[in-house]
Amino acid sequence: MERTQSADEDAMPIAKLTVELSIPHSQSIKDRRQVVRSLKDKLRHGFNVSVAELDDANLWNRATLGVVAISGSTDYLTGQMREVDDALHRLCNGLGAEILDSWVELLEE
């Protein structure tokens, strides 16, 4: 017997957090890469999210990261992205980076 689903049951909201960073102490691409890699690894392991660098690394004192999660609940994603943003602020302070801007987009598919 096949199970049929309504359109609401098929919906899987996606949350995307975009973060623009300044890394003032960075003097090279290597310095930048260390900060970015540390942030990506800590977010992936701490929150089970996908993290990618969104820019092309032309400036070694700036970076843009994208953090994405998918869930069956928009409320869960909203809370998770808030927690990730809070953690990013703490992590950046420890790594000598600054968050210039961050914003969340929710995609309801």
C-alpha atoms as a PDB file:
ATOM      1  CA  MET A   1       0.000   0.000   0.000  1.00  0.00           C
ATOM      2  CA  GLU A   2       1.450   3.378  -1.002  1.00  0.00           C
ATOM      3  CA  ARG A   3       1.425   6.307   1.324  1.00  0.00           C
ATOM      4  CA  THR A   4       0.339   9.591  -0.172  1.00  0.00           C
ATOM      5  CA  GLN A   5       1.565  12.876   1.253  1.00  0.00           C
ATOM      6  CA  SER A   6       0.064  16.307   1.108  1.00  0.00           C
ATOM      7  CA  ALA A   7       2.115  19.288  -0.051  1.00  0.00           C
ATOM      8  CA  ASP A   8       2.553  20.404   3.579  1.00  0.00           C
ATOM      9  CA  GLU A   9       4.131  17.084   4.540  1.00  0.00           C
ATOM     10  CA  ASP A  10       6.629  17.348   1.682  1.00  0.00           C
ATOM     11  CA  ALA A  11       7.786  20.828   2.679  1.00  0.00           C
ATOM     12  CA  MET A  12      11.343  20.902   3.988  1.00  0.00           C
ATOM     13  CA  PRO A  13      12.337  24.422   5.003  1.00  0.00           C
ATOM     14  CA  ILE A  14      15.959  25.439   4.483  1.00  0.00           C
ATOM     15  CA  ALA A  15      17.733  28.095   6.537  1.00  0.00           C
ATOM     16  CA  LYS A  16      20.757  29.977   5.242  1.00  0.00           C
ATOM     17  CA  LEU A  17      22.886  32.199   7.474  1.00  0.00           C
ATOM     18  CA  THR A  18      25.321  34.473   5.648  1.00  0.00           C
ATOM     19  CA  VAL A  19      28.133  36.021   7.668  1.00  0.00           C
ATOM     20  CA  GLU A  20      30.599  38.682   6.536  1.00  0.00           C
ATOM     21  CA  LEU A  21      33.811  38.674   8.567  1.00  0.00           C
ATOM     22  CA  SER A  22      36.732  40.999   9.079  1.00  0.00           C
ATOM     23  CA  ILE A  23      40.022  39.437  10.168  1.00  0.00           C
ATOM     24  CA  PRO A  24      42.121  42.499  11.082  1.00  0.00           C
ATOM     25  CA  HIS A  25      45.215  40.626  12.282  1.00  0.00           C
ATOM     26  CA  SER A  26      45.466  38.566   9.089  1.00  0.00           C
ATOM     27  CA  GLN A  27      48.625  39.352   7.128  1.00  0.00           C
ATOM     28  CA  SER A  28      48.343  36.579   4.547  1.00  0.00           C
ATOM     29  CA  ILE A  29      45.998  34.094   2.933  1.00  0.00           C
ATOM     30  CA  LYS A  30      47.409  31.500   5.356  1.00  0.00           C
ATOM     31  CA  ASP A  31      46.310  33.572   8.386  1.00  0.00           C
ATOM     32  CA  ARG A  32      42.871  34.017   6.838  1.00  0.00           C
ATOM     33  CA  ARG A  33      42.579  30.321   6.037  1.00  0.00           C
ATOM     34  CA  GLN A  34      43.366  29.355   9.651  1.00  0.00           C
ATOM     35  CA  VAL A  35      40.543  31.503  11.012  1.00  0.00           C
ATOM     36  CA  VAL A  36      38.036  30.411   8.363  1.00  0.00           C
ATOM     37  CA  ARG A  37      38.903  26.719   8.711  1.00  0.00           C
ATOM     38  CA  SER A  38      38.589  26.887  12.491  1.00  0.00           C
ATOM     39  CA  LEU A  39      35.161  28.531  12.276  1.00  0.00           C
ATOM     40  CA  LYS A  40      33.923  26.052   9.672  1.00  0.00           C
ATOM     41  CA  ASP A  41      35.100  23.012  11.629  1.00  0.00           C
ATOM     42  CA  LYS A  42      33.651  24.193  14.943  1.00  0.00           C
ATOM     43  CA  LEU A  43      30.276  25.030  13.414  1.00  0.00           C
ATOM     44  CA  ARG A  44      30.037  21.744  11.505  1.00  0.00           C
ATOM     45  CA  HIS A  45      30.817  19.652  14.570  1.00  0.00           C
ATOM     46  CA  GLY A  46      28.880  21.731  17.077  1.00  0.00           C
ATOM     47  CA  PHE A  47      25.653  22.187  15.133  1.00  0.00           C
ATOM     48  CA  ASN A  48      25.574  19.576  12.355  1.00  0.00           C
ATOM     49  CA  VAL A  49      25.231  22.249   9.656  1.00  0.00           C
ATOM     50  CA  SER A  50      26.834  22.692   6.254  1.00  0.00           C
ATOM     51  CA  VAL A  51      29.345  25.540   6.049  1.00  0.00           C
ATOM     52  CA  ALA A  52      30.983  26.967   2.946  1.00  0.00           C
ATOM     53  CA  GLU A  53      33.184  29.892   2.106  1.00  0.00           C
ATOM     54  CA  LEU A  54      31.224  32.104  -0.296  1.00  0.00           C
ATOM     55  CA  ASP A  55      33.898  34.475  -1.541  1.00  0.00           C
ATOM     56  CA  ASP A  56      37.011  33.886  -3.617  1.00  0.00           C
ATOM     57  CA  ALA A  57      39.615  34.850  -0.964  1.00  0.00           C
ATOM     58  CA  ASN A  58      40.993  37.858  -2.859  1.00  0.00           C
ATOM     59  CA  LEU A  59      41.169  39.888   0.350  1.00  0.00           C
ATOM     60  CA  TRP A  60      43.063  38.165   3.145  1.00  0.00           C
ATOM     61  CA  ASN A  61      41.435  40.253   5.874  1.00  0.00           C
ATOM     62  CA  ARG A  62      37.822  39.549   4.823  1.00  0.00           C
ATOM     63  CA  ALA A  63      35.696  36.416   4.434  1.00  0.00           C
ATOM     64  CA  THR A  64      32.088  35.499   3.769  1.00  0.00           C
ATOM     65  CA  LEU A  65      30.656  32.251   5.113  1.00  0.00           C
ATOM     66  CA  GLY A  66      27.384  30.525   4.350  1.00  0.00           C
ATOM     67  CA  VAL A  67      25.799  28.212   6.931  1.00  0.00           C
ATOM     68  CA  VAL A  68      22.900  26.019   5.811  1.00  0.00           C
ATOM     69  CA  ALA A  69      20.559  23.630   7.603  1.00  0.00           C
ATOM     70  CA  ILE A  70      17.435  21.731   6.612  1.00  0.00           C
ATOM     71  CA  SER A  71      14.681  20.466   8.889  1.00  0.00           C
ATOM     72  CA  GLY A  72      11.028  19.627   8.971  1.00  0.00           C
ATOM     73  CA  SER A  73      10.388  22.566  11.308  1.00  0.00           C
ATOM     74  CA  THR A  74      10.779  26.262  10.554  1.00  0.00           C
ATOM     75  CA  ASP A  75      10.732  27.023  14.289  1.00  0.00           C
ATOM     76  CA  TYR A  76      13.619  24.618  14.878  1.00  0.00           C
ATOM     77  CA  LEU A  77      15.646  26.176  12.060  1.00  0.00           C
ATOM     78  CA  THR A  78      15.025  29.693  13.341  1.00  0.00           C
ATOM     79  CA  GLY A  79      16.282  28.728  16.788  1.00  0.00           C
ATOM     80  CA  GLN A  80      19.241  26.817  15.364  1.00  0.00           C
ATOM     81  CA  MET A  81      20.367  29.740  13.209  1.00  0.00           C
ATOM     82  CA  ARG A  82      20.097  32.060  16.235  1.00  0.00           C
ATOM     83  CA  GLU A  83      22.307  29.666  18.217  1.00  0.00           C
ATOM     84  CA  VAL A  84      24.807  29.415  15.348  1.00  0.00           C
ATOM     85  CA  ASP A  85      24.967  33.213  15.075  1.00  0.00           C
ATOM     86  CA  ASP A  86      25.554  33.521  18.834  1.00  0.00           C
ATOM     87  CA  ALA A  87      28.283  30.876  18.681  1.00  0.00           C
ATOM     88  CA  LEU A  88      29.905  32.665  15.735  1.00  0.00           C
ATOM     89  CA  HIS A  89      30.137  35.862  17.768  1.00  0.00           C
ATOM     90  CA  ARG A  90      31.851  33.994  20.613  1.00  0.00           C
ATOM     91  CA  LEU A  91      34.183  32.077  18.282  1.00  0.00           C
ATOM     92  CA  CYS A  92      35.151  35.200  16.338  1.00  0.00           C
ATOM     93  CA  ASN A  93      36.108  36.988  19.550  1.00  0.00           C
ATOM     94  CA  GLY A  94      38.421  34.118  20.433  1.00  0.00           C
ATOM     95  CA  LEU A  95      39.997  34.052  16.971  1.00  0.00           C
ATOM     96  CA  GLY A  96      40.490  37.805  16.618  1.00  0.00           C
ATOM     97  CA  ALA A  97      37.844  38.181  13.920  1.00  0.00           C
ATOM     98  CA  GLU A  98      34.858  40.526  13.778  1.00  0.00           C
ATOM     99  CA  ILE A  99      31.410  39.985  12.320  1.00  0.00           C
ATOM    100  CA  LEU A 100      30.621  42.893  10.023  1.00  0.00           C
ATOM    101  CA  ASP A 101      27.137  41.680   9.066  1.00  0.00           C
ATOM    102  CA  SER A 102      24.989  38.561   9.279  1.00  0.00           C
ATOM    103  CA  TRP A 103      21.538  37.679   8.048  1.00  0.00           C
ATOM    104  CA  VAL A 104      19.259  34.648   7.824  1.00  0.00           C
ATOM    105  CA  GLU A 105      17.094  33.592   4.909  1.00  0.00           C
ATOM    106  CA  LEU A 106      14.395  30.939   5.289  1.00  0.00           C
ATOM    107  CA  LEU A 107      13.416  29.098   2.125  1.00  0.00           C
ATOM    108  CA  GLU A 108      10.112  27.284   2.333  1.00  0.00           C
ATOM    109  CA  GLU A 109      10.164  24.606  -0.353  1.00  0.00           C
END
